[in-house]
């Protein structure tokens, strides 16, 4: 089923799926030894989840494939700098042109965090009343969306969600919506 219709599933399942979305963002960015894959449409209709909570991305017509092994010439003076989403950009989007001028972008990380906790029907909202770890999770999501180093924050967020799931502190927390 598409992520867009899974708003009423139990909270622990939401966290499993959230962890897998963050893992996918990192895999698209780092896992392939030659290329980075930047998905430009993280719509919740383009992310589907099966009965085992495995996440699959569909409708991949808008993907940037970046060769990590090019030898930059003078036309790419910022190649070895990371490209970060500009929060001051009124259009609130990543520049594809700028992404392709840098060896690394935080686009996938931002997109995953926005899917989980952004402004438009975030997957991890509303939060169950009995979930006692929201303050820390909320802080990490906010830092992932608005902070200065998404690469660092996403690792902390992945670890925190994994810890919550490992401790079993979210099992039994009711469904929402």
Foldseek 3Di string as FASTA:
>chain_A
DFLVPPQFDALLLLLVLLLLLLVVLCCQFPVDPFKHKFQQDPDSRQWDADPVRHIDGHPRPRIDIATLPDDDDPVQPAAAPEAEQDPVPPVSGDDPVVNNSYSHYCRSQLSSLCCQDNDDPRSCPDPFPPQPCCVVLVVLSVCCNDNDDVVVSSVVNSVVSVVCSVVVVRPPRGTDD
